[in-house]
């Protein structure tokens, strides 16, 4: 299919999945499918993308950098803020303004909620939020949505069961908001300490989203599920390690638990996993988390081109 990579659209930041309309989400999914068929191009020839990771990351950083490389762009940036002027006391504002002098796009992960939004307000260079604290992770959400669409052949009228760390898990918060456009139903499976935060339960209430909360990871819940979204209990988000030890192993998935699941049901996980998904699940045809991670390349290629304002004719 012919493409037109001229910057005919205005560059834009993608900080929150809430920044995207239903039509824009569907457009990104179509564009991700386009890049899955054609992952290598020179669309970013002459473009420089800065990856600023103030918080550790493997999959997200490598996926973004691979996306830029396969699109023919150049990468600058850092994965360890200790090796930058941040360690000397440089403010986030100064870092962003300095890097904006050198890059056409900034991909940023930060441990503080709202950091990406702040960065987008102090520079005209578009920002893609690669995760800010426990708040938002829109690129993970886009690869999740693309994975759901590929496995279910739709986004509308599905039942999604989210399990584990629903309090600190920015991926489940973003996915919930994105699927609000598509009449999805939700099961929230978590203990009291990791319950879905009130602001997101209120979001469901305001938007007429059907959801059910449970502390029990039951066979009945699994049998009613189209997408089983497992999460890691994130030790780095806890200030009380005794609390972490108390809740870390409450919700673990084993292969035998999938016996009654729908044939079309798929298990997703934003990775990395610890022990919340047993190794024997990997051999199940319902396990999709490694393919899900691969889909991140195509979803991020779509987001990069959209943020840069490129008009790609599909």
C-alpha atoms as a PDB file:
ATOM      1  CA  UNK A   1       0.000   0.000   0.000  1.00  0.00           C
ATOM      2  CA  UNK A   2       1.327   3.477  -0.791  1.00  0.00           C
ATOM      3  CA  UNK A   3       2.412   5.718   2.036  1.00  0.00           C
ATOM      4  CA  UNK A   4       2.864   9.424   2.350  1.00  0.00           C
ATOM      5  CA  UNK A   5       5.318  10.212   5.136  1.00  0.00           C
ATOM      6  CA  UNK A   6       5.090  14.000   4.792  1.00  0.00           C
ATOM      7  CA  UNK A   7       4.301  15.796   8.044  1.00  0.00           C
ATOM      8  CA  UNK A   8       0.856  16.918   6.953  1.00  0.00           C
ATOM      9  CA  UNK A   9      -0.635  16.476  10.415  1.00  0.00           C
ATOM     10  CA  UNK A  10       0.413  18.432  13.477  1.00  0.00           C
ATOM     11  CA  UNK A  11       2.834  16.638  15.817  1.00  0.00           C
ATOM     12  CA  UNK A  12       1.208  15.779  19.126  1.00  0.00           C
ATOM     13  CA  UNK A  13       2.092  14.349  22.514  1.00  0.00           C
ATOM     14  CA  UNK A  14       0.569  11.068  23.697  1.00  0.00           C
ATOM     15  CA  UNK A  15       0.632  11.275  27.477  1.00  0.00           C
ATOM     16  CA  UNK A  16      -2.522   9.419  28.481  1.00  0.00           C
ATOM     17  CA  UNK A  17      -4.773   6.947  26.739  1.00  0.00           C
ATOM     18  CA  UNK A  18      -7.515   9.448  27.628  1.00  0.00           C
ATOM     19  CA  UNK A  19      -5.896  11.808  25.087  1.00  0.00           C
ATOM     20  CA  UNK A  20      -7.094   9.467  22.333  1.00  0.00           C
ATOM     21  CA  UNK A  21     -10.627   9.210  20.994  1.00  0.00           C
ATOM     22  CA  UNK A  22     -12.197   5.908  19.957  1.00  0.00           C
ATOM     23  CA  UNK A  23     -11.516   6.765  16.320  1.00  0.00           C
ATOM     24  CA  UNK A  24      -7.863   7.566  17.069  1.00  0.00           C
ATOM     25  CA  UNK A  25      -7.444   4.272  18.944  1.00  0.00           C
ATOM     26  CA  UNK A  26      -8.886   2.338  16.001  1.00  0.00           C
ATOM     27  CA  UNK A  27      -6.643   4.285  13.623  1.00  0.00           C
ATOM     28  CA  UNK A  28      -3.579   3.308  15.678  1.00  0.00           C
ATOM     29  CA  UNK A  29      -4.654  -0.337  15.627  1.00  0.00           C
ATOM     30  CA  UNK A  30      -4.979  -0.236  11.834  1.00  0.00           C
ATOM     31  CA  UNK A  31      -1.564   1.408  11.619  1.00  0.00           C
ATOM     32  CA  UNK A  32      -0.043  -1.240  13.922  1.00  0.00           C
ATOM     33  CA  UNK A  33      -1.411  -3.941  11.608  1.00  0.00           C
ATOM     34  CA  UNK A  34       0.149  -2.094   8.668  1.00  0.00           C
ATOM     35  CA  UNK A  35       3.553  -2.078  10.385  1.00  0.00           C
ATOM     36  CA  UNK A  36       3.264  -5.747  11.335  1.00  0.00           C
ATOM     37  CA  UNK A  37       3.153  -6.463   7.605  1.00  0.00           C
ATOM     38  CA  UNK A  38       5.887  -3.880   6.861  1.00  0.00           C
ATOM     39  CA  UNK A  39       8.060  -3.391   9.975  1.00  0.00           C
ATOM     40  CA  UNK A  40      11.065  -1.992   8.069  1.00  0.00           C
ATOM     41  CA  UNK A  41      10.978   1.362   6.302  1.00  0.00           C
ATOM     42  CA  UNK A  42      12.753   4.707   6.047  1.00  0.00           C
ATOM     43  CA  UNK A  43       9.837   6.776   7.331  1.00  0.00           C
ATOM     44  CA  UNK A  44      12.029   8.296  10.070  1.00  0.00           C
ATOM     45  CA  UNK A  45      15.026   8.984   7.873  1.00  0.00           C
ATOM     46  CA  UNK A  46      16.601  12.180   9.242  1.00  0.00           C
ATOM     47  CA  UNK A  47      14.580  12.063  12.480  1.00  0.00           C
ATOM     48  CA  UNK A  48      16.105  11.847  15.966  1.00  0.00           C
ATOM     49  CA  UNK A  49      14.167  10.274  18.840  1.00  0.00           C
ATOM     50  CA  UNK A  50      15.322  10.713  22.440  1.00  0.00           C
ATOM     51  CA  UNK A  51      14.540   7.931  24.922  1.00  0.00           C
ATOM     52  CA  UNK A  52      14.708   9.279  28.481  1.00  0.00           C
ATOM     53  CA  UNK A  53      14.237   6.511  31.027  1.00  0.00           C
ATOM     54  CA  UNK A  54      14.376   7.858  34.570  1.00  0.00           C
ATOM     55  CA  UNK A  55      13.068   4.479  35.760  1.00  0.00           C
ATOM     56  CA  UNK A  56      14.372   0.987  34.863  1.00  0.00           C
ATOM     57  CA  UNK A  57      12.858  -0.712  31.839  1.00  0.00           C
ATOM     58  CA  UNK A  58      13.739  -3.530  29.493  1.00  0.00           C
ATOM     59  CA  UNK A  59      10.807  -4.338  27.202  1.00  0.00           C
ATOM     60  CA  UNK A  60       9.456  -0.821  26.799  1.00  0.00           C
ATOM     61  CA  UNK A  61      12.814   0.821  26.108  1.00  0.00           C
ATOM     62  CA  UNK A  62      14.060  -1.905  23.743  1.00  0.00           C
ATOM     63  CA  UNK A  63      10.713  -1.985  21.971  1.00  0.00           C
ATOM     64  CA  UNK A  64      10.719   1.780  21.361  1.00  0.00           C
ATOM     65  CA  UNK A  65      14.344   1.751  20.264  1.00  0.00           C
ATOM     66  CA  UNK A  66      13.732  -1.178  17.910  1.00  0.00           C
ATOM     67  CA  UNK A  67      10.702   0.650  16.501  1.00  0.00           C
ATOM     68  CA  UNK A  68      12.833   3.722  15.756  1.00  0.00           C
ATOM     69  CA  UNK A  69      15.635   1.644  14.238  1.00  0.00           C
ATOM     70  CA  UNK A  70      13.263  -0.315  11.993  1.00  0.00           C
ATOM     71  CA  UNK A  71      11.698   2.971  10.839  1.00  0.00           C
ATOM     72  CA  UNK A  72      15.128   4.314   9.895  1.00  0.00           C
ATOM     73  CA  UNK A  73      15.499   6.931  12.648  1.00  0.00           C
ATOM     74  CA  UNK A  74      18.324   7.747  15.063  1.00  0.00           C
ATOM     75  CA  UNK A  75      18.224   7.343  18.860  1.00  0.00           C
ATOM     76  CA  UNK A  76      19.780   9.397  21.633  1.00  0.00           C
ATOM     77  CA  UNK A  77      19.071   9.287  25.341  1.00  0.00           C
ATOM     78  CA  UNK A  78      19.762   7.333  28.504  1.00  0.00           C
ATOM     79  CA  UNK A  79      18.505   4.367  30.502  1.00  0.00           C
ATOM     80  CA  UNK A  80      20.274   5.290  33.756  1.00  0.00           C
ATOM     81  CA  UNK A  81      19.675   8.803  35.119  1.00  0.00           C
ATOM     82  CA  UNK A  82      22.617   8.327  37.495  1.00  0.00           C
ATOM     83  CA  UNK A  83      24.874   8.796  34.477  1.00  0.00           C
ATOM     84  CA  UNK A  84      23.294  12.155  33.541  1.00  0.00           C
ATOM     85  CA  UNK A  85      23.208  15.690  34.910  1.00  0.00           C
ATOM     86  CA  UNK A  86      20.112  14.682  36.865  1.00  0.00           C
ATOM     87  CA  UNK A  87      22.504  13.171  39.383  1.00  0.00           C
ATOM     88  CA  UNK A  88      24.083  16.621  39.745  1.00  0.00           C
ATOM     89  CA  UNK A  89      20.745  18.183  40.619  1.00  0.00           C
ATOM     90  CA  UNK A  90      19.502  19.234  37.193  1.00  0.00           C
ATOM     91  CA  UNK A  91      15.735  19.714  37.210  1.00  0.00           C
ATOM     92  CA  UNK A  92      13.352  17.766  34.984  1.00  0.00           C
ATOM     93  CA  UNK A  93      12.441  21.033  33.265  1.00  0.00           C
ATOM     94  CA  UNK A  94      16.050  21.763  32.339  1.00  0.00           C
ATOM     95  CA  UNK A  95      16.649  18.200  31.155  1.00  0.00           C
ATOM     96  CA  UNK A  96      13.594  18.244  28.887  1.00  0.00           C
ATOM     97  CA  UNK A  97      14.387  21.666  27.445  1.00  0.00           C
ATOM     98  CA  UNK A  98      17.965  20.656  26.777  1.00  0.00           C
ATOM     99  CA  UNK A  99      17.052  17.365  25.070  1.00  0.00           C
ATOM    100  CA  UNK A 100      14.328  19.102  23.038  1.00  0.00           C
ATOM    101  CA  UNK A 101      17.111  21.025  21.284  1.00  0.00           C
ATOM    102  CA  UNK A 102      18.409  17.789  19.794  1.00  0.00           C
ATOM    103  CA  UNK A 103      15.374  15.576  19.142  1.00  0.00           C
ATOM    104  CA  UNK A 104      12.208  15.512  17.046  1.00  0.00           C
ATOM    105  CA  UNK A 105      10.401  13.313  19.588  1.00  0.00           C
ATOM    106  CA  UNK A 106      10.950  12.412  23.253  1.00  0.00           C
ATOM    107  CA  UNK A 107       9.937   9.040  24.681  1.00  0.00           C
ATOM    108  CA  UNK A 108       9.984   9.331  28.452  1.00  0.00           C
ATOM    109  CA  UNK A 109       9.531   7.051  31.461  1.00  0.00           C
ATOM    110  CA  UNK A 110       9.534   8.625  34.918  1.00  0.00           C
ATOM    111  CA  UNK A 111       8.834   7.461  38.451  1.00  0.00           C
ATOM    112  CA  UNK A 112       6.677  10.514  39.279  1.00  0.00           C
ATOM    113  CA  UNK A 113       3.017  10.607  38.310  1.00  0.00           C
ATOM    114  CA  UNK A 114       2.329  13.527  36.004  1.00  0.00           C
ATOM    115  CA  UNK A 115       5.937  13.917  34.863  1.00  0.00           C
ATOM    116  CA  UNK A 116       5.130  13.215  31.222  1.00  0.00           C
ATOM    117  CA  UNK A 117       2.241  15.687  31.230  1.00  0.00           C
ATOM    118  CA  UNK A 118       4.529  18.320  32.739  1.00  0.00           C
ATOM    119  CA  UNK A 119       7.168  17.625  30.092  1.00  0.00           C
ATOM    120  CA  UNK A 120       4.587  18.027  27.316  1.00  0.00           C
ATOM    121  CA  UNK A 121       3.653  21.457  28.686  1.00  0.00           C
ATOM    122  CA  UNK A 122       7.174  22.890  28.690  1.00  0.00           C
ATOM    123  CA  UNK A 123       8.291  21.927  25.181  1.00  0.00           C
ATOM    124  CA  UNK A 124       6.861  21.931  21.686  1.00  0.00           C
ATOM    125  CA  UNK A 125       8.630  18.664  20.898  1.00  0.00           C
ATOM    126  CA  UNK A 126       6.031  15.861  21.173  1.00  0.00           C
ATOM    127  CA  UNK A 127       6.268  13.551  24.184  1.00  0.00           C
ATOM    128  CA  UNK A 128       5.252   9.896  24.329  1.00  0.00           C
ATOM    129  CA  UNK A 129       4.671   8.723  27.876  1.00  0.00           C
ATOM    130  CA  UNK A 130       6.427   5.377  28.407  1.00  0.00           C
ATOM    131  CA  UNK A 131       5.072   5.146  31.963  1.00  0.00           C
ATOM    132  CA  UNK A 132       4.807   7.621  34.829  1.00  0.00           C
ATOM    133  CA  UNK A 133       4.712   6.131  38.308  1.00  0.00           C
ATOM    134  CA  UNK A 134       1.524   4.174  38.939  1.00  0.00           C
ATOM    135  CA  UNK A 135      -0.444   6.501  36.678  1.00  0.00           C
ATOM    136  CA  UNK A 136      -0.444   5.882  32.899  1.00  0.00           C
ATOM    137  CA  UNK A 137       1.282   3.684  30.323  1.00  0.00           C
ATOM    138  CA  UNK A 138      -0.416   4.427  26.982  1.00  0.00           C
ATOM    139  CA  UNK A 139       2.004   2.532  24.741  1.00  0.00           C
ATOM    140  CA  UNK A 140       1.452  -0.634  26.781  1.00  0.00           C
ATOM    141  CA  UNK A 141      -2.276  -0.025  26.441  1.00  0.00           C
ATOM    142  CA  UNK A 142      -2.032   0.244  22.675  1.00  0.00           C
ATOM    143  CA  UNK A 143      -0.149  -3.033  22.386  1.00  0.00           C
ATOM    144  CA  UNK A 144      -2.708  -4.593  24.747  1.00  0.00           C
ATOM    145  CA  UNK A 145      -5.567  -3.337  22.587  1.00  0.00           C
ATOM    146  CA  UNK A 146      -3.859  -4.579  19.437  1.00  0.00           C
ATOM    147  CA  UNK A 147      -3.324  -7.978  21.085  1.00  0.00           C
ATOM    148  CA  UNK A 148      -6.961  -8.152  22.156  1.00  0.00           C
ATOM    149  CA  UNK A 149      -8.131  -7.219  18.671  1.00  0.00           C
ATOM    150  CA  UNK A 150      -5.878  -9.834  17.066  1.00  0.00           C
ATOM    151  CA  UNK A 151      -7.008 -12.636  19.388  1.00  0.00           C
ATOM    152  CA  UNK A 152     -10.697 -11.776  19.724  1.00  0.00           C
ATOM    153  CA  UNK A 153     -11.276 -10.156  16.316  1.00  0.00           C
ATOM    154  CA  UNK A 154     -13.029  -7.301  18.101  1.00  0.00           C
ATOM    155  CA  UNK A 155     -12.801  -4.891  21.027  1.00  0.00           C
ATOM    156  CA  UNK A 156     -16.531  -4.543  21.633  1.00  0.00           C
ATOM    157  CA  UNK A 157     -18.513  -6.623  24.130  1.00  0.00           C
ATOM    158  CA  UNK A 158     -15.671  -8.601  25.689  1.00  0.00           C
ATOM    159  CA  UNK A 159     -15.191  -9.614  29.310  1.00  0.00           C
ATOM    160  CA  UNK A 160     -11.803  -8.724  30.765  1.00  0.00           C
ATOM    161  CA  UNK A 161     -10.636 -10.136  34.094  1.00  0.00           C
ATOM    162  CA  UNK A 162      -7.851  -8.146  35.738  1.00  0.00           C
ATOM    163  CA  UNK A 163      -5.971  -9.999  38.458  1.00  0.00           C
ATOM    164  CA  UNK A 164      -3.430  -9.029  41.106  1.00  0.00           C
ATOM    165  CA  UNK A 165      -2.042  -5.535  41.585  1.00  0.00           C
ATOM    166  CA  UNK A 166      -4.919  -3.299  40.547  1.00  0.00           C
ATOM    167  CA  UNK A 167      -3.885  -0.494  42.910  1.00  0.00           C
ATOM    168  CA  UNK A 168      -0.435   0.319  41.539  1.00  0.00           C
ATOM    169  CA  UNK A 169      -0.761  -1.314  38.111  1.00  0.00           C
ATOM    170  CA  UNK A 170      -0.735   1.560  35.631  1.00  0.00           C
ATOM    171  CA  UNK A 171      -1.315  -0.882  32.771  1.00  0.00           C
ATOM    172  CA  UNK A 172      -4.716  -1.962  34.088  1.00  0.00           C
ATOM    173  CA  UNK A 173      -5.734   1.648  34.752  1.00  0.00           C
ATOM    174  CA  UNK A 174      -4.924   2.683  31.190  1.00  0.00           C
ATOM    175  CA  UNK A 175      -6.544  -0.406  29.654  1.00  0.00           C
ATOM    176  CA  UNK A 176      -9.730   0.159  31.633  1.00  0.00           C
ATOM    177  CA  UNK A 177      -9.975   3.717  30.330  1.00  0.00           C
ATOM    178  CA  UNK A 178      -9.290   2.674  26.736  1.00  0.00           C
ATOM    179  CA  UNK A 179     -11.873  -0.111  26.726  1.00  0.00           C
ATOM    180  CA  UNK A 180     -14.521   2.264  28.057  1.00  0.00           C
ATOM    181  CA  UNK A 181     -15.136   3.119  24.381  1.00  0.00           C
ATOM    182  CA  UNK A 182     -16.007  -0.492  23.534  1.00  0.00           C
ATOM    183  CA  UNK A 183     -18.694  -1.738  25.958  1.00  0.00           C
ATOM    184  CA  UNK A 184     -16.308  -4.086  27.749  1.00  0.00           C
ATOM    185  CA  UNK A 185     -17.229  -5.745  31.050  1.00  0.00           C
ATOM    186  CA  UNK A 186     -14.665  -6.216  33.819  1.00  0.00           C
ATOM    187  CA  UNK A 187     -13.890  -8.531  36.695  1.00  0.00           C
ATOM    188  CA  UNK A 188     -11.492  -6.996  39.228  1.00  0.00           C
ATOM    189  CA  UNK A 189      -9.797  -9.756  41.247  1.00  0.00           C
ATOM    190  CA  UNK A 190      -7.634  -8.419  44.061  1.00  0.00           C
ATOM    191  CA  UNK A 191      -7.232  -8.330  47.822  1.00  0.00           C
ATOM    192  CA  UNK A 192      -8.212  -5.233  49.800  1.00  0.00           C
ATOM    193  CA  UNK A 193      -4.632  -3.927  49.790  1.00  0.00           C
ATOM    194  CA  UNK A 194      -4.441  -4.065  45.973  1.00  0.00           C
ATOM    195  CA  UNK A 195      -8.031  -3.196  45.121  1.00  0.00           C
ATOM    196  CA  UNK A 196      -8.812  -1.105  42.028  1.00  0.00           C
ATOM    197  CA  UNK A 197      -8.541   2.529  43.247  1.00  0.00           C
ATOM    198  CA  UNK A 198     -11.726   4.433  43.925  1.00  0.00           C
ATOM    199  CA  UNK A 199     -11.108   6.942  41.122  1.00  0.00           C
ATOM    200  CA  UNK A 200     -11.276   4.160  38.530  1.00  0.00           C
ATOM    201  CA  UNK A 201     -14.329   2.538  40.111  1.00  0.00           C
ATOM    202  CA  UNK A 202     -15.999   5.953  39.980  1.00  0.00           C
ATOM    203  CA  UNK A 203     -14.895   6.225  36.344  1.00  0.00           C
ATOM    204  CA  UNK A 204     -16.758   2.985  35.652  1.00  0.00           C
ATOM    205  CA  UNK A 205     -19.847   4.222  37.470  1.00  0.00           C
ATOM    206  CA  UNK A 206     -19.892   7.532  35.594  1.00  0.00           C
ATOM    207  CA  UNK A 207     -19.477   5.847  32.227  1.00  0.00           C
ATOM    208  CA  UNK A 208     -21.902   2.976  32.748  1.00  0.00           C
ATOM    209  CA  UNK A 209     -19.168   0.329  32.665  1.00  0.00           C
ATOM    210  CA  UNK A 210     -20.203  -2.992  34.166  1.00  0.00           C
ATOM    211  CA  UNK A 211     -17.724  -4.411  36.657  1.00  0.00           C
ATOM    212  CA  UNK A 212     -17.584  -6.960  39.448  1.00  0.00           C
ATOM    213  CA  UNK A 213     -15.073  -7.048  42.292  1.00  0.00           C
ATOM    214  CA  UNK A 214     -13.894 -10.256  43.942  1.00  0.00           C
ATOM    215  CA  UNK A 215     -11.152 -11.459  46.240  1.00  0.00           C
ATOM    216  CA  UNK A 216     -11.597 -14.986  44.892  1.00  0.00           C
ATOM    217  CA  UNK A 217      -9.794 -16.045  41.711  1.00  0.00           C
ATOM    218  CA  UNK A 218     -12.454 -18.650  40.992  1.00  0.00           C
ATOM    219  CA  UNK A 219     -12.998 -21.112  38.118  1.00  0.00           C
ATOM    220  CA  UNK A 220     -16.344 -19.412  37.462  1.00  0.00           C
ATOM    221  CA  UNK A 221     -14.621 -16.076  36.872  1.00  0.00           C
ATOM    222  CA  UNK A 222     -12.083 -17.657  34.512  1.00  0.00           C
ATOM    223  CA  UNK A 223     -14.807 -19.500  32.572  1.00  0.00           C
ATOM    224  CA  UNK A 224     -16.616 -16.208  31.922  1.00  0.00           C
ATOM    225  CA  UNK A 225     -13.500 -14.436  30.650  1.00  0.00           C
ATOM    226  CA  UNK A 226     -12.354 -13.492  27.155  1.00  0.00           C
ATOM    227  CA  UNK A 227      -9.114 -11.780  28.227  1.00  0.00           C
ATOM    228  CA  UNK A 228      -7.372 -12.778  31.465  1.00  0.00           C
ATOM    229  CA  UNK A 229      -5.013  -9.925  32.326  1.00  0.00           C
ATOM    230  CA  UNK A 230      -2.502 -11.015  34.961  1.00  0.00           C
ATOM    231  CA  UNK A 231      -0.273  -8.517  36.778  1.00  0.00           C
ATOM    232  CA  UNK A 232       2.854  -8.599  38.875  1.00  0.00           C
ATOM    233  CA  UNK A 233       2.662  -7.326  42.446  1.00  0.00           C
ATOM    234  CA  UNK A 234       5.192  -4.517  42.140  1.00  0.00           C
ATOM    235  CA  UNK A 235       7.608  -4.507  45.029  1.00  0.00           C
ATOM    236  CA  UNK A 236       9.032  -1.149  43.938  1.00  0.00           C
ATOM    237  CA  UNK A 237       5.671   0.561  44.576  1.00  0.00           C
ATOM    238  CA  UNK A 238       5.492  -0.530  48.234  1.00  0.00           C
ATOM    239  CA  UNK A 239       6.860   1.560  51.079  1.00  0.00           C
ATOM    240  CA  UNK A 240       5.985  -1.208  53.564  1.00  0.00           C
ATOM    241  CA  UNK A 241       7.822  -4.417  52.604  1.00  0.00           C
ATOM    242  CA  UNK A 242       5.857  -6.399  55.185  1.00  0.00           C
ATOM    243  CA  UNK A 243       2.701  -5.531  53.260  1.00  0.00           C
ATOM    244  CA  UNK A 244       4.359  -6.625  50.021  1.00  0.00           C
ATOM    245  CA  UNK A 245       5.355  -9.990  51.501  1.00  0.00           C
ATOM    246  CA  UNK A 246       1.787 -10.492  52.711  1.00  0.00           C
ATOM    247  CA  UNK A 247       0.151 -10.008  49.305  1.00  0.00           C
ATOM    248  CA  UNK A 248       2.752 -10.984  46.691  1.00  0.00           C
ATOM    249  CA  UNK A 249       1.646 -14.612  46.227  1.00  0.00           C
ATOM    250  CA  UNK A 250      -2.113 -14.341  46.630  1.00  0.00           C
ATOM    251  CA  UNK A 251      -3.014 -14.657  42.943  1.00  0.00           C
ATOM    252  CA  UNK A 252      -1.036 -17.139  40.888  1.00  0.00           C
ATOM    253  CA  UNK A 253      -2.181 -18.785  37.646  1.00  0.00           C
ATOM    254  CA  UNK A 254      -1.455 -22.436  36.862  1.00  0.00           C
ATOM    255  CA  UNK A 255      -2.212 -24.314  33.645  1.00  0.00           C
ATOM    256  CA  UNK A 256      -4.859 -26.530  35.269  1.00  0.00           C
ATOM    257  CA  UNK A 257      -6.886 -23.422  36.096  1.00  0.00           C
ATOM    258  CA  UNK A 258      -7.454 -22.850  32.370  1.00  0.00           C
ATOM    259  CA  UNK A 259      -9.211 -26.173  31.756  1.00  0.00           C
ATOM    260  CA  UNK A 260     -12.684 -24.651  31.863  1.00  0.00           C
ATOM    261  CA  UNK A 261     -11.758 -21.489  29.965  1.00  0.00           C
ATOM    262  CA  UNK A 262     -13.190 -20.613  26.560  1.00  0.00           C
ATOM    263  CA  UNK A 263     -11.137 -21.858  23.612  1.00  0.00           C
ATOM    264  CA  UNK A 264     -10.763 -18.259  22.456  1.00  0.00           C
ATOM    265  CA  UNK A 265      -9.682 -16.915  25.850  1.00  0.00           C
ATOM    266  CA  UNK A 266      -6.154 -15.533  26.015  1.00  0.00           C
ATOM    267  CA  UNK A 267      -3.864 -14.756  28.931  1.00  0.00           C
ATOM    268  CA  UNK A 268      -2.113 -11.393  28.785  1.00  0.00           C
ATOM    269  CA  UNK A 269       0.565  -9.942  31.074  1.00  0.00           C
ATOM    270  CA  UNK A 270       2.521  -6.676  30.705  1.00  0.00           C
ATOM    271  CA  UNK A 271       5.702  -8.443  31.878  1.00  0.00           C
ATOM    272  CA  UNK A 272       8.026  -8.950  33.618  1.00  0.00           C
ATOM    273  CA  UNK A 273       6.431 -11.763  35.539  1.00  0.00           C
ATOM    274  CA  UNK A 274       7.705 -13.171  38.792  1.00  0.00           C
ATOM    275  CA  UNK A 275       5.652 -16.168  39.891  1.00  0.00           C
ATOM    276  CA  UNK A 276       2.090 -15.013  39.205  1.00  0.00           C
ATOM    277  CA  UNK A 277       2.029 -17.137  36.031  1.00  0.00           C
ATOM    278  CA  UNK A 278       3.455 -20.625  36.423  1.00  0.00           C
ATOM    279  CA  UNK A 279       5.894 -21.873  33.793  1.00  0.00           C
ATOM    280  CA  UNK A 280       3.479 -24.622  32.725  1.00  0.00           C
ATOM    281  CA  UNK A 281       1.058 -21.981  31.442  1.00  0.00           C
ATOM    282  CA  UNK A 282       3.597 -21.093  28.730  1.00  0.00           C
ATOM    283  CA  UNK A 283       2.741 -24.301  26.852  1.00  0.00           C
ATOM    284  CA  UNK A 284      -0.980 -23.527  26.764  1.00  0.00           C
ATOM    285  CA  UNK A 285      -2.431 -22.192  23.496  1.00  0.00           C
ATOM    286  CA  UNK A 286      -4.210 -19.649  25.688  1.00  0.00           C
ATOM    287  CA  UNK A 287      -0.903 -18.051  26.735  1.00  0.00           C
ATOM    288  CA  UNK A 288      -0.333 -14.940  24.649  1.00  0.00           C
ATOM    289  CA  UNK A 289       1.991 -12.714  26.699  1.00  0.00           C
ATOM    290  CA  UNK A 290       5.143 -13.248  24.637  1.00  0.00           C
ATOM    291  CA  UNK A 291       3.282 -12.519  21.392  1.00  0.00           C
ATOM    292  CA  UNK A 292       1.739  -9.561  23.219  1.00  0.00           C
ATOM    293  CA  UNK A 293       5.213  -8.176  23.877  1.00  0.00           C
ATOM    294  CA  UNK A 294       6.125  -8.639  20.200  1.00  0.00           C
ATOM    295  CA  UNK A 295       3.008  -6.665  19.237  1.00  0.00           C
ATOM    296  CA  UNK A 296       4.511  -3.765  21.182  1.00  0.00           C
ATOM    297  CA  UNK A 297       6.933  -3.113  18.340  1.00  0.00           C
ATOM    298  CA  UNK A 298       4.143  -2.489  15.838  1.00  0.00           C
ATOM    299  CA  UNK A 299       1.969  -0.507  18.254  1.00  0.00           C
ATOM    300  CA  UNK A 300       4.900   1.753  19.146  1.00  0.00           C
ATOM    301  CA  UNK A 301       5.815   2.268  15.506  1.00  0.00           C
ATOM    302  CA  UNK A 302       2.238   3.465  15.008  1.00  0.00           C
ATOM    303  CA  UNK A 303       2.434   5.794  18.011  1.00  0.00           C
ATOM    304  CA  UNK A 304       5.789   7.260  16.965  1.00  0.00           C
ATOM    305  CA  UNK A 305       4.555   8.133  13.485  1.00  0.00           C
ATOM    306  CA  UNK A 306       1.310   9.544  14.857  1.00  0.00           C
ATOM    307  CA  UNK A 307       3.131  11.682  17.440  1.00  0.00           C
ATOM    308  CA  UNK A 308       5.388  13.053  14.711  1.00  0.00           C
ATOM    309  CA  UNK A 309       2.343  14.003  12.645  1.00  0.00           C
ATOM    310  CA  UNK A 310       3.091  11.676   9.754  1.00  0.00           C
ATOM    311  CA  UNK A 311       0.299  10.958   7.300  1.00  0.00           C
ATOM    312  CA  UNK A 312       0.607   7.289   6.393  1.00  0.00           C
ATOM    313  CA  UNK A 313      -1.919   6.250   3.774  1.00  0.00           C
ATOM    314  CA  UNK A 314      -3.074   2.707   4.423  1.00  0.00           C
END
